[in-house]
Amino acid sequence: YSRGLPVVRVDAGAVDVVRAVLSVFPLDTFVDQPLARMGGADDPTAENTVQAAVLEAAIAAHGGGLTIEAIPRSDFYPRADLGYAVIHTLETAPYCNFLLTKGVITA
């Protein structure tokens, strides 16, 4: 809410929300990593089970070859400020903040 972007609240976990969003929102195919996540404070490269499940859901929707970019926590917020909107979920796992780059919607 503090970012000034529109906030949409969805009463579900991150994996279910990402699945729902990606069912109507294609990831960009013109950028190297259209999916990013916040890295943990101790080890930004460490991945928790929810982050891994979000990547699996994105691969299922987007296709193979997709990876997830780990962004250090301090760098994540300025990138998030460039977004269009925020989806507030009920996710309680730490560092489960994600950035999705929208691709072209085709017929």
PDB file of N, CA and C in Angstrom:
ATOM      1  N   TYR A   1       0.818  -1.198   0.000  1.00  0.00           N
ATOM      2  CA  TYR A   1       0.000   0.000   0.000  1.00  0.00           C
ATOM      3  C   TYR A   1       0.858   1.257   0.000  1.00  0.00           C
ATOM      4  N   SER A   2       2.057   1.165   0.553  1.00  0.00           N
ATOM      5  CA  SER A   2       2.914   2.345   0.663  1.00  0.00           C
ATOM      6  C   SER A   2       3.571   2.723  -0.661  1.00  0.00           C
ATOM      7  N   ARG A   3       3.484   1.888  -1.661  1.00  0.00           N
ATOM      8  CA  ARG A   3       4.148   2.150  -2.937  1.00  0.00           C
ATOM      9  C   ARG A   3       3.352   3.069  -3.845  1.00  0.00           C
ATOM     10  N   GLY A   4       2.084   3.290  -3.545  1.00  0.00           N
ATOM     11  CA  GLY A   4       1.276   4.165  -4.384  1.00  0.00           C
ATOM     12  C   GLY A   4       0.702   3.495  -5.615  1.00  0.00           C
ATOM     13  N   LEU A   5       0.905   2.195  -5.733  1.00  0.00           N
ATOM     14  CA  LEU A   5       0.362   1.445  -6.865  1.00  0.00           C
ATOM     15  C   LEU A   5      -1.013   0.908  -6.496  1.00  0.00           C
ATOM     16  N   PRO A   6      -1.865   0.628  -7.484  1.00  0.00           N
ATOM     17  CA  PRO A   6      -3.139  -0.026  -7.155  1.00  0.00           C
ATOM     18  C   PRO A   6      -2.868  -1.362  -6.463  1.00  0.00           C
ATOM     19  N   VAL A   7      -3.626  -1.656  -5.416  1.00  0.00           N
ATOM     20  CA  VAL A   7      -3.470  -2.901  -4.675  1.00  0.00           C
ATOM     21  C   VAL A   7      -4.752  -3.712  -4.807  1.00  0.00           C
ATOM     22  N   VAL A   8      -4.582  -4.970  -5.231  1.00  0.00           N
ATOM     23  CA  VAL A   8      -5.695  -5.905  -5.348  1.00  0.00           C
ATOM     24  C   VAL A   8      -5.456  -6.990  -4.302  1.00  0.00           C
ATOM     25  N   ARG A   9      -6.431  -7.195  -3.428  1.00  0.00           N
ATOM     26  CA  ARG A   9      -6.282  -8.242  -2.414  1.00  0.00           C
ATOM     27  C   ARG A   9      -6.933  -9.514  -2.928  1.00  0.00           C
ATOM     28  N   VAL A  10      -6.191 -10.619  -2.837  1.00  0.00           N
ATOM     29  CA  VAL A  10      -6.707 -11.928  -3.222  1.00  0.00           C
ATOM     30  C   VAL A  10      -6.467 -12.857  -2.041  1.00  0.00           C
ATOM     31  N   ASP A  11      -7.530 -13.408  -1.500  1.00  0.00           N
ATOM     32  CA  ASP A  11      -7.428 -14.267  -0.322  1.00  0.00           C
ATOM     33  C   ASP A  11      -7.050 -15.689  -0.705  1.00  0.00           C
ATOM     34  N   ALA A  12      -5.805 -15.850  -1.135  1.00  0.00           N
ATOM     35  CA  ALA A  12      -5.250 -17.146  -1.527  1.00  0.00           C
ATOM     36  C   ALA A  12      -3.738 -17.047  -1.393  1.00  0.00           C
ATOM     37  N   GLY A  13      -3.079 -18.193  -1.466  1.00  0.00           N
ATOM     38  CA  GLY A  13      -1.625 -18.223  -1.392  1.00  0.00           C
ATOM     39  C   GLY A  13      -0.984 -17.802  -2.703  1.00  0.00           C
ATOM     40  N   ALA A  14       0.309 -17.562  -2.661  1.00  0.00           N
ATOM     41  CA  ALA A  14       1.045 -17.062  -3.823  1.00  0.00           C
ATOM     42  C   ALA A  14       0.973 -17.997  -5.022  1.00  0.00           C
ATOM     43  N   VAL A  15       1.085 -19.294  -4.790  1.00  0.00           N
ATOM     44  CA  VAL A  15       1.087 -20.244  -5.912  1.00  0.00           C
ATOM     45  C   VAL A  15      -0.251 -20.209  -6.645  1.00  0.00           C
ATOM     46  N   ASP A  16      -1.346 -20.240  -5.901  1.00  0.00           N
ATOM     47  CA  ASP A  16      -2.669 -20.191  -6.537  1.00  0.00           C
ATOM     48  C   ASP A  16      -2.892 -18.872  -7.269  1.00  0.00           C
ATOM     49  N   VAL A  17      -2.428 -17.795  -6.695  1.00  0.00           N
ATOM     50  CA  VAL A  17      -2.594 -16.487  -7.339  1.00  0.00           C
ATOM     51  C   VAL A  17      -1.772 -16.418  -8.624  1.00  0.00           C
ATOM     52  N   VAL A  18      -0.541 -16.892  -8.589  1.00  0.00           N
ATOM     53  CA  VAL A  18       0.292 -16.880  -9.793  1.00  0.00           C
ATOM     54  C   VAL A  18      -0.337 -17.754 -10.884  1.00  0.00           C
ATOM     55  N   ARG A  19      -0.842 -18.916 -10.511  1.00  0.00           N
ATOM     56  CA  ARG A  19      -1.530 -19.764 -11.500  1.00  0.00           C
ATOM     57  C   ARG A  19      -2.702 -19.017 -12.138  1.00  0.00           C
ATOM     58  N   ALA A  20      -3.506 -18.371 -11.307  1.00  0.00           N
ATOM     59  CA  ALA A  20      -4.675 -17.643 -11.824  1.00  0.00           C
ATOM     60  C   ALA A  20      -4.252 -16.491 -12.730  1.00  0.00           C
ATOM     61  N   VAL A  21      -3.279 -15.719 -12.300  1.00  0.00           N
ATOM     62  CA  VAL A  21      -2.811 -14.585 -13.104  1.00  0.00           C
ATOM     63  C   VAL A  21      -2.256 -15.073 -14.437  1.00  0.00           C
ATOM     64  N   LEU A  22      -1.427 -16.117 -14.399  1.00  0.00           N
ATOM     65  CA  LEU A  22      -0.805 -16.591 -15.631  1.00  0.00           C
ATOM     66  C   LEU A  22      -1.773 -17.307 -16.561  1.00  0.00           C
ATOM     67  N   SER A  23      -2.974 -17.598 -16.093  1.00  0.00           N
ATOM     68  CA  SER A  23      -3.978 -18.187 -16.989  1.00  0.00           C
ATOM     69  C   SER A  23      -4.533 -17.138 -17.954  1.00  0.00           C
ATOM     70  N   VAL A  24      -4.350 -15.864 -17.643  1.00  0.00           N
ATOM     71  CA  VAL A  24      -4.842 -14.783 -18.515  1.00  0.00           C
ATOM     72  C   VAL A  24      -3.773 -13.741 -18.843  1.00  0.00           C
ATOM     73  N   PHE A  25      -2.584 -13.896 -18.302  1.00  0.00           N
ATOM     74  CA  PHE A  25      -1.526 -12.889 -18.360  1.00  0.00           C
ATOM     75  C   PHE A  25      -0.245 -13.587 -18.816  1.00  0.00           C
ATOM     76  N   PRO A  26       0.079 -13.531 -20.100  1.00  0.00           N
ATOM     77  CA  PRO A  26       1.301 -14.216 -20.546  1.00  0.00           C
ATOM     78  C   PRO A  26       2.555 -13.481 -20.072  1.00  0.00           C
ATOM     79  N   LEU A  27       3.580 -14.248 -19.768  1.00  0.00           N
ATOM     80  CA  LEU A  27       4.864 -13.638 -19.436  1.00  0.00           C
ATOM     81  C   LEU A  27       5.540 -13.163 -20.720  1.00  0.00           C
ATOM     82  N   ASP A  28       6.337 -12.138 -20.587  1.00  0.00           N
ATOM     83  CA  ASP A  28       7.036 -11.547 -21.726  1.00  0.00           C
ATOM     84  C   ASP A  28       8.063 -12.529 -22.288  1.00  0.00           C
ATOM     85  N   THR A  29       8.048 -12.726 -23.585  1.00  0.00           N
ATOM     86  CA  THR A  29       9.024 -13.613 -24.224  1.00  0.00           C
ATOM     87  C   THR A  29      10.207 -12.844 -24.798  1.00  0.00           C
ATOM     88  N   PHE A  30      10.200 -11.517 -24.649  1.00  0.00           N
ATOM     89  CA  PHE A  30      11.275 -10.694 -25.204  1.00  0.00           C
ATOM     90  C   PHE A  30      12.287 -10.247 -24.155  1.00  0.00           C
ATOM     91  N   VAL A  31      12.121 -10.704 -22.922  1.00  0.00           N
ATOM     92  CA  VAL A  31      13.097 -10.401 -21.872  1.00  0.00           C
ATOM     93  C   VAL A  31      13.665 -11.719 -21.360  1.00  0.00           C
ATOM     94  N   ASP A  32      14.882 -11.683 -20.840  1.00  0.00           N
ATOM     95  CA  ASP A  32      15.540 -12.908 -20.386  1.00  0.00           C
ATOM     96  C   ASP A  32      14.821 -13.567 -19.218  1.00  0.00           C
ATOM     97  N   GLN A  33      14.389 -12.785 -18.251  1.00  0.00           N
ATOM     98  CA  GLN A  33      13.748 -13.345 -17.066  1.00  0.00           C
ATOM     99  C   GLN A  33      12.490 -12.547 -16.725  1.00  0.00           C
ATOM    100  N   PRO A  34      11.343 -12.977 -17.253  1.00  0.00           N
ATOM    101  CA  PRO A  34      10.103 -12.256 -16.982  1.00  0.00           C
ATOM    102  C   PRO A  34       9.510 -12.560 -15.606  1.00  0.00           C
ATOM    103  N   LEU A  35      10.181 -13.423 -14.841  1.00  0.00           N
ATOM    104  CA  LEU A  35       9.729 -13.784 -13.501  1.00  0.00           C
ATOM    105  C   LEU A  35      10.885 -13.570 -12.537  1.00  0.00           C
ATOM    106  N   ALA A  36      10.616 -12.833 -11.461  1.00  0.00           N
ATOM    107  CA  ALA A  36      11.649 -12.570 -10.457  1.00  0.00           C
ATOM    108  C   ALA A  36      11.053 -12.742  -9.071  1.00  0.00           C
ATOM    109  N   ARG A  37      11.921 -12.986  -8.120  1.00  0.00           N
ATOM    110  CA  ARG A  37      11.499 -13.137  -6.727  1.00  0.00           C
ATOM    111  C   ARG A  37      12.455 -12.387  -5.819  1.00  0.00           C
ATOM    112  N   MET A  38      11.964 -12.072  -4.622  1.00  0.00           N
ATOM    113  CA  MET A  38      12.823 -11.432  -3.636  1.00  0.00           C
ATOM    114  C   MET A  38      13.771 -12.476  -3.056  1.00  0.00           C
ATOM    115  N   GLY A  39      15.038 -12.127  -2.962  1.00  0.00           N
ATOM    116  CA  GLY A  39      16.015 -13.004  -2.339  1.00  0.00           C
ATOM    117  C   GLY A  39      15.994 -12.833  -0.837  1.00  0.00           C
ATOM    118  N   GLY A  40      16.322 -13.887  -0.125  1.00  0.00           N
ATOM    119  CA  GLY A  40      16.356 -13.834   1.335  1.00  0.00           C
ATOM    120  C   GLY A  40      17.484 -12.974   1.854  1.00  0.00           C
ATOM    121  N   ALA A  41      17.361 -12.546   3.092  1.00  0.00           N
ATOM    122  CA  ALA A  41      18.357 -11.656   3.693  1.00  0.00           C
ATOM    123  C   ALA A  41      19.694 -12.352   3.898  1.00  0.00           C
ATOM    124  N   ASP A  42      19.659 -13.600   4.355  1.00  0.00           N
ATOM    125  CA  ASP A  42      20.911 -14.314   4.628  1.00  0.00           C
ATOM    126  C   ASP A  42      21.583 -14.821   3.363  1.00  0.00           C
ATOM    127  N   ASP A  43      20.796 -15.369   2.452  1.00  0.00           N
ATOM    128  CA  ASP A  43      21.318 -15.922   1.205  1.00  0.00           C
ATOM    129  C   ASP A  43      20.319 -15.642   0.088  1.00  0.00           C
ATOM    130  N   PRO A  44      20.532 -14.596  -0.704  1.00  0.00           N
ATOM    131  CA  PRO A  44      19.572 -14.230  -1.748  1.00  0.00           C
ATOM    132  C   PRO A  44      19.341 -15.323  -2.783  1.00  0.00           C
ATOM    133  N   THR A  45      20.272 -16.266  -2.903  1.00  0.00           N
ATOM    134  CA  THR A  45      20.108 -17.312  -3.910  1.00  0.00           C
ATOM    135  C   THR A  45      19.320 -18.514  -3.387  1.00  0.00           C
ATOM    136  N   ALA A  46      19.151 -18.628  -2.058  1.00  0.00           N
ATOM    137  CA  ALA A  46      18.408 -19.753  -1.486  1.00  0.00           C
ATOM    138  C   ALA A  46      16.936 -19.632  -1.867  1.00  0.00           C
ATOM    139  N   GLU A  47      16.339 -20.770  -2.219  1.00  0.00           N
ATOM    140  CA  GLU A  47      14.951 -20.788  -2.679  1.00  0.00           C
ATOM    141  C   GLU A  47      14.108 -21.620  -1.714  1.00  0.00           C
ATOM    142  N   ASN A  48      12.970 -21.063  -1.287  1.00  0.00           N
ATOM    143  CA  ASN A  48      12.092 -21.847  -0.412  1.00  0.00           C
ATOM    144  C   ASN A  48      11.073 -22.625  -1.246  1.00  0.00           C
ATOM    145  N   THR A  49      10.271 -23.455  -0.601  1.00  0.00           N
ATOM    146  CA  THR A  49       9.360 -24.335  -1.330  1.00  0.00           C
ATOM    147  C   THR A  49       8.274 -23.569  -2.085  1.00  0.00           C
ATOM    148  N   VAL A  50       7.800 -22.458  -1.528  1.00  0.00           N
ATOM    149  CA  VAL A  50       6.768 -21.672  -2.220  1.00  0.00           C
ATOM    150  C   VAL A  50       7.357 -21.027  -3.470  1.00  0.00           C
ATOM    151  N   GLN A  51       8.562 -20.491  -3.364  1.00  0.00           N
ATOM    152  CA  GLN A  51       9.211 -19.896  -4.534  1.00  0.00           C
ATOM    153  C   GLN A  51       9.415 -20.941  -5.623  1.00  0.00           C
ATOM    154  N   ALA A  52       9.820 -22.143  -5.241  1.00  0.00           N
ATOM    155  CA  ALA A  52      10.004 -23.219  -6.218  1.00  0.00           C
ATOM    156  C   ALA A  52       8.670 -23.600  -6.860  1.00  0.00           C
ATOM    157  N   ALA A  53       7.603 -23.625  -6.085  1.00  0.00           N
ATOM    158  CA  ALA A  53       6.278 -23.965  -6.619  1.00  0.00           C
ATOM    159  C   ALA A  53       5.760 -22.880  -7.557  1.00  0.00           C
ATOM    160  N   VAL A  54       6.070 -21.622  -7.263  1.00  0.00           N
ATOM    161  CA  VAL A  54       5.689 -20.530  -8.169  1.00  0.00           C
ATOM    162  C   VAL A  54       6.415 -20.698  -9.498  1.00  0.00           C
ATOM    163  N   LEU A  55       7.689 -21.035  -9.452  1.00  0.00           N
ATOM    164  CA  LEU A  55       8.436 -21.273 -10.692  1.00  0.00           C
ATOM    165  C   LEU A  55       7.824 -22.428 -11.471  1.00  0.00           C
ATOM    166  N   GLU A  56       7.472 -23.507 -10.801  1.00  0.00           N
ATOM    167  CA  GLU A  56       6.836 -24.647 -11.480  1.00  0.00           C
ATOM    168  C   GLU A  56       5.524 -24.233 -12.140  1.00  0.00           C
ATOM    169  N   ALA A  57       4.724 -23.439 -11.439  1.00  0.00           N
ATOM    170  CA  ALA A  57       3.453 -22.964 -11.997  1.00  0.00           C
ATOM    171  C   ALA A  57       3.700 -22.082 -13.215  1.00  0.00           C
ATOM    172  N   ALA A  58       4.719 -21.246 -13.154  1.00  0.00           N
ATOM    173  CA  ALA A  58       5.050 -20.366 -14.276  1.00  0.00           C
ATOM    174  C   ALA A  58       5.548 -21.167 -15.473  1.00  0.00           C
ATOM    175  N   ILE A  59       6.347 -22.182 -15.222  1.00  0.00           N
ATOM    176  CA  ILE A  59       6.823 -23.040 -16.312  1.00  0.00           C
ATOM    177  C   ILE A  59       5.647 -23.746 -16.968  1.00  0.00           C
ATOM    178  N   ALA A  60       4.700 -24.222 -16.174  1.00  0.00           N
ATOM    179  CA  ALA A  60       3.520 -24.890 -16.720  1.00  0.00           C
ATOM    180  C   ALA A  60       2.711 -23.944 -17.614  1.00  0.00           C
ATOM    181  N   ALA A  61       2.641 -22.685 -17.244  1.00  0.00           N
ATOM    182  CA  ALA A  61       1.867 -21.710 -18.014  1.00  0.00           C
ATOM    183  C   ALA A  61       2.648 -21.133 -19.188  1.00  0.00           C
ATOM    184  N   HIS A  62       3.940 -20.961 -18.996  1.00  0.00           N
ATOM    185  CA  HIS A  62       4.777 -20.241 -19.963  1.00  0.00           C
ATOM    186  C   HIS A  62       5.515 -21.172 -20.918  1.00  0.00           C
ATOM    187  N   GLY A  63       5.903 -22.320 -20.422  1.00  0.00           N
ATOM    188  CA  GLY A  63       6.698 -23.240 -21.226  1.00  0.00           C
ATOM    189  C   GLY A  63       8.078 -23.423 -20.635  1.00  0.00           C
ATOM    190  N   GLY A  64       8.789 -24.383 -21.146  1.00  0.00           N
ATOM    191  CA  GLY A  64      10.115 -24.722 -20.644  1.00  0.00           C
ATOM    192  C   GLY A  64      11.129 -23.617 -20.836  1.00  0.00           C
ATOM    193  N   GLY A  65      12.242 -23.768 -20.174  1.00  0.00           N
ATOM    194  CA  GLY A  65      13.336 -22.822 -20.305  1.00  0.00           C
ATOM    195  C   GLY A  65      13.213 -21.591 -19.433  1.00  0.00           C
ATOM    196  N   LEU A  66      12.157 -21.497 -18.654  1.00  0.00           N
ATOM    197  CA  LEU A  66      11.949 -20.340 -17.798  1.00  0.00           C
ATOM    198  C   LEU A  66      12.732 -20.511 -16.503  1.00  0.00           C
ATOM    199  N   THR A  67      13.384 -19.462 -16.084  1.00  0.00           N
ATOM    200  CA  THR A  67      14.052 -19.444 -14.789  1.00  0.00           C
ATOM    201  C   THR A  67      13.485 -18.279 -13.994  1.00  0.00           C
ATOM    202  N   ILE A  68      13.822 -18.250 -12.718  1.00  0.00           N
ATOM    203  CA  ILE A  68      13.359 -17.157 -11.868  1.00  0.00           C
ATOM    204  C   ILE A  68      14.575 -16.368 -11.408  1.00  0.00           C
ATOM    205  N   GLU A  69      14.518 -15.079 -11.553  1.00  0.00           N
ATOM    206  CA  GLU A  69      15.611 -14.204 -11.136  1.00  0.00           C
ATOM    207  C   GLU A  69      15.487 -13.933  -9.644  1.00  0.00           C
ATOM    208  N   ALA A  70      16.562 -14.109  -8.910  1.00  0.00           N
ATOM    209  CA  ALA A  70      16.589 -13.779  -7.483  1.00  0.00           C
ATOM    210  C   ALA A  70      17.150 -12.370  -7.335  1.00  0.00           C
ATOM    211  N   ILE A  71      16.345 -11.475  -6.807  1.00  0.00           N
ATOM    212  CA  ILE A  71      16.745 -10.080  -6.635  1.00  0.00           C
ATOM    213  C   ILE A  71      16.994  -9.826  -5.156  1.00  0.00           C
ATOM    214  N   PRO A  72      18.168  -9.310  -4.801  1.00  0.00           N
ATOM    215  CA  PRO A  72      18.411  -8.995  -3.388  1.00  0.00           C
ATOM    216  C   PRO A  72      17.307  -8.079  -2.838  1.00  0.00           C
ATOM    217  N   ARG A  73      16.959  -8.302  -1.581  1.00  0.00           N
ATOM    218  CA  ARG A  73      15.849  -7.591  -0.955  1.00  0.00           C
ATOM    219  C   ARG A  73      15.938  -6.083  -1.149  1.00  0.00           C
ATOM    220  N   SER A  74      17.115  -5.509  -0.947  1.00  0.00           N
ATOM    221  CA  SER A  74      17.272  -4.053  -1.053  1.00  0.00           C
ATOM    222  C   SER A  74      17.065  -3.554  -2.482  1.00  0.00           C
ATOM    223  N   ASP A  75      17.281  -4.402  -3.472  1.00  0.00           N
ATOM    224  CA  ASP A  75      17.082  -4.017  -4.870  1.00  0.00           C
ATOM    225  C   ASP A  75      15.664  -4.329  -5.357  1.00  0.00           C
ATOM    226  N   PHE A  76      14.960  -5.187  -4.613  1.00  0.00           N
ATOM    227  CA  PHE A  76      13.624  -5.595  -5.039  1.00  0.00           C
ATOM    228  C   PHE A  76      12.639  -4.427  -4.990  1.00  0.00           C
ATOM    229  N   TYR A  77      12.680  -3.657  -3.915  1.00  0.00           N
ATOM    230  CA  TYR A  77      11.695  -2.580  -3.735  1.00  0.00           C
ATOM    231  C   TYR A  77      11.743  -1.520  -4.832  1.00  0.00           C
ATOM    232  N   PRO A  78      12.915  -1.030  -5.243  1.00  0.00           N
ATOM    233  CA  PRO A  78      12.929  -0.067  -6.352  1.00  0.00           C
ATOM    234  C   PRO A  78      12.379  -0.656  -7.653  1.00  0.00           C
ATOM    235  N   ARG A  79      12.637  -1.945  -7.892  1.00  0.00           N
ATOM    236  CA  ARG A  79      12.069  -2.598  -9.084  1.00  0.00           C
ATOM    237  C   ARG A  79      10.553  -2.695  -8.962  1.00  0.00           C
ATOM    238  N   ALA A  80      10.065  -3.019  -7.779  1.00  0.00           N
ATOM    239  CA  ALA A  80       8.621  -3.122  -7.562  1.00  0.00           C
ATOM    240  C   ALA A  80       7.929  -1.771  -7.777  1.00  0.00           C
ATOM    241  N   ASP A  81       8.625  -0.696  -7.457  1.00  0.00           N
ATOM    242  CA  ASP A  81       8.058   0.642  -7.661  1.00  0.00           C
ATOM    243  C   ASP A  81       7.731   0.917  -9.122  1.00  0.00           C
ATOM    244  N   LEU A  82       8.372   0.191 -10.034  1.00  0.00           N
ATOM    245  CA  LEU A  82       8.146   0.386 -11.466  1.00  0.00           C
ATOM    246  C   LEU A  82       6.944  -0.406 -11.976  1.00  0.00           C
ATOM    247  N   GLY A  83       6.333  -1.187 -11.111  1.00  0.00           N
ATOM    248  CA  GLY A  83       5.227  -2.039 -11.508  1.00  0.00           C
ATOM    249  C   GLY A  83       3.936  -1.285 -11.754  1.00  0.00           C
ATOM    250  N   TYR A  84       2.967  -2.019 -12.262  1.00  0.00           N
ATOM    251  CA  TYR A  84       1.649  -1.449 -12.540  1.00  0.00           C
ATOM    252  C   TYR A  84       0.715  -1.594 -11.352  1.00  0.00           C
ATOM    253  N   ALA A  85       0.789  -2.721 -10.674  1.00  0.00           N
ATOM    254  CA  ALA A  85      -0.107  -2.986  -9.561  1.00  0.00           C
ATOM    255  C   ALA A  85       0.540  -3.987  -8.609  1.00  0.00           C
ATOM    256  N   VAL A  86      -0.049  -4.096  -7.437  1.00  0.00           N
ATOM    257  CA  VAL A  86       0.385  -5.050  -6.426  1.00  0.00           C
ATOM    258  C   VAL A  86      -0.784  -5.982  -6.141  1.00  0.00           C
ATOM    259  N   ILE A  87      -0.489  -7.279  -6.066  1.00  0.00           N
ATOM    260  CA  ILE A  87      -1.498  -8.240  -5.638  1.00  0.00           C
ATOM    261  C   ILE A  87      -1.107  -8.689  -4.240  1.00  0.00           C
ATOM    262  N   HIS A  88      -1.961  -8.387  -3.288  1.00  0.00           N
ATOM    263  CA  HIS A  88      -1.715  -8.745  -1.895  1.00  0.00           C
ATOM    264  C   HIS A  88      -2.370 -10.092  -1.632  1.00  0.00           C
ATOM    265  N   THR A  89      -1.564 -11.100  -1.298  1.00  0.00           N
ATOM    266  CA  THR A  89      -2.073 -12.454  -1.080  1.00  0.00           C
ATOM    267  C   THR A  89      -2.063 -12.780   0.416  1.00  0.00           C
ATOM    268  N   LEU A  90      -2.491 -13.978   0.740  1.00  0.00           N
ATOM    269  CA  LEU A  90      -2.435 -14.459   2.117  1.00  0.00           C
ATOM    270  C   LEU A  90      -1.169 -15.260   2.399  1.00  0.00           C
ATOM    271  N   GLU A  91      -0.200 -15.226   1.487  1.00  0.00           N
ATOM    272  CA  GLU A  91       1.024 -16.016   1.634  1.00  0.00           C
ATOM    273  C   GLU A  91       1.761 -15.626   2.913  1.00  0.00           C
ATOM    274  N   THR A  92       2.183 -16.619   3.685  1.00  0.00           N
ATOM    275  CA  THR A  92       2.909 -16.357   4.924  1.00  0.00           C
ATOM    276  C   THR A  92       4.370 -16.778   4.861  1.00  0.00           C
ATOM    277  N   ALA A  93       4.763 -17.491   3.824  1.00  0.00           N
ATOM    278  CA  ALA A  93       6.171 -17.904   3.695  1.00  0.00           C
ATOM    279  C   ALA A  93       7.034 -16.658   3.477  1.00  0.00           C
ATOM    280  N   PRO A  94       8.222 -16.638   4.065  1.00  0.00           N
ATOM    281  CA  PRO A  94       9.072 -15.448   3.922  1.00  0.00           C
ATOM    282  C   PRO A  94       9.596 -15.263   2.498  1.00  0.00           C
ATOM    283  N   TYR A  95       9.785 -14.021   2.141  1.00  0.00           N
ATOM    284  CA  TYR A  95      10.378 -13.626   0.864  1.00  0.00           C
ATOM    285  C   TYR A  95       9.599 -14.120  -0.350  1.00  0.00           C
ATOM    286  N   CYS A  96       8.310 -14.237  -0.220  1.00  0.00           N
ATOM    287  CA  CYS A  96       7.478 -14.680  -1.341  1.00  0.00           C
ATOM    288  C   CYS A  96       6.833 -13.477  -2.011  1.00  0.00           C
ATOM    289  N   ASN A  97       7.702 -12.619  -2.498  1.00  0.00           N
ATOM    290  CA  ASN A  97       7.302 -11.457  -3.285  1.00  0.00           C
ATOM    291  C   ASN A  97       7.837 -11.685  -4.689  1.00  0.00           C
ATOM    292  N   PHE A  98       6.988 -11.462  -5.683  1.00  0.00           N
ATOM    293  CA  PHE A  98       7.353 -11.803  -7.055  1.00  0.00           C
ATOM    294  C   PHE A  98       7.075 -10.634  -7.983  1.00  0.00           C
ATOM    295  N   LEU A  99       7.862 -10.549  -9.041  1.00  0.00           N
ATOM    296  CA  LEU A  99       7.639  -9.587 -10.117  1.00  0.00           C
ATOM    297  C   LEU A  99       7.393 -10.379 -11.392  1.00  0.00           C
ATOM    298  N   LEU A 100       6.309 -10.064 -12.082  1.00  0.00           N
ATOM    299  CA  LEU A 100       5.985 -10.712 -13.351  1.00  0.00           C
ATOM    300  C   LEU A 100       5.972  -9.643 -14.420  1.00  0.00           C
ATOM    301  N   THR A 101       6.634  -9.919 -15.528  1.00  0.00           N
ATOM    302  CA  THR A 101       6.662  -8.989 -16.645  1.00  0.00           C
ATOM    303  C   THR A 101       5.682  -9.483 -17.709  1.00  0.00           C
ATOM    304  N   LYS A 102       4.659  -8.679 -17.960  1.00  0.00           N
ATOM    305  CA  LYS A 102       3.595  -9.064 -18.882  1.00  0.00           C
ATOM    306  C   LYS A 102       4.087  -9.079 -20.314  1.00  0.00           C
ATOM    307  N   GLY A 103       3.651 -10.098 -21.018  1.00  0.00           N
ATOM    308  CA  GLY A 103       3.967 -10.211 -22.433  1.00  0.00           C
ATOM    309  C   GLY A 103       2.796  -9.765 -23.289  1.00  0.00           C
ATOM    310  N   VAL A 104       2.904 -10.012 -24.566  1.00  0.00           N
ATOM    311  CA  VAL A 104       1.878  -9.636 -25.535  1.00  0.00           C
ATOM    312  C   VAL A 104       0.721 -10.631 -25.466  1.00  0.00           C
ATOM    313  N   ILE A 105      -0.485 -10.119 -25.402  1.00  0.00           N
ATOM    314  CA  ILE A 105      -1.667 -10.963 -25.398  1.00  0.00           C
ATOM    315  C   ILE A 105      -2.097 -11.142 -26.856  1.00  0.00           C
ATOM    316  N   THR A 106      -2.106 -12.401 -27.292  1.00  0.00           N
ATOM    317  CA  THR A 106      -2.484 -12.690 -28.677  1.00  0.00           C
ATOM    318  C   THR A 106      -3.863 -13.338 -28.708  1.00  0.00           C
ATOM    319  N   ALA A 107      -4.433 -13.388 -29.882  1.00  0.00           N
ATOM    320  CA  ALA A 107      -5.787 -13.955 -30.014  1.00  0.00           C
ATOM    321  C   ALA A 107      -5.785 -15.439 -29.756  1.00  0.00           C
TER     322      ALA A 107
END
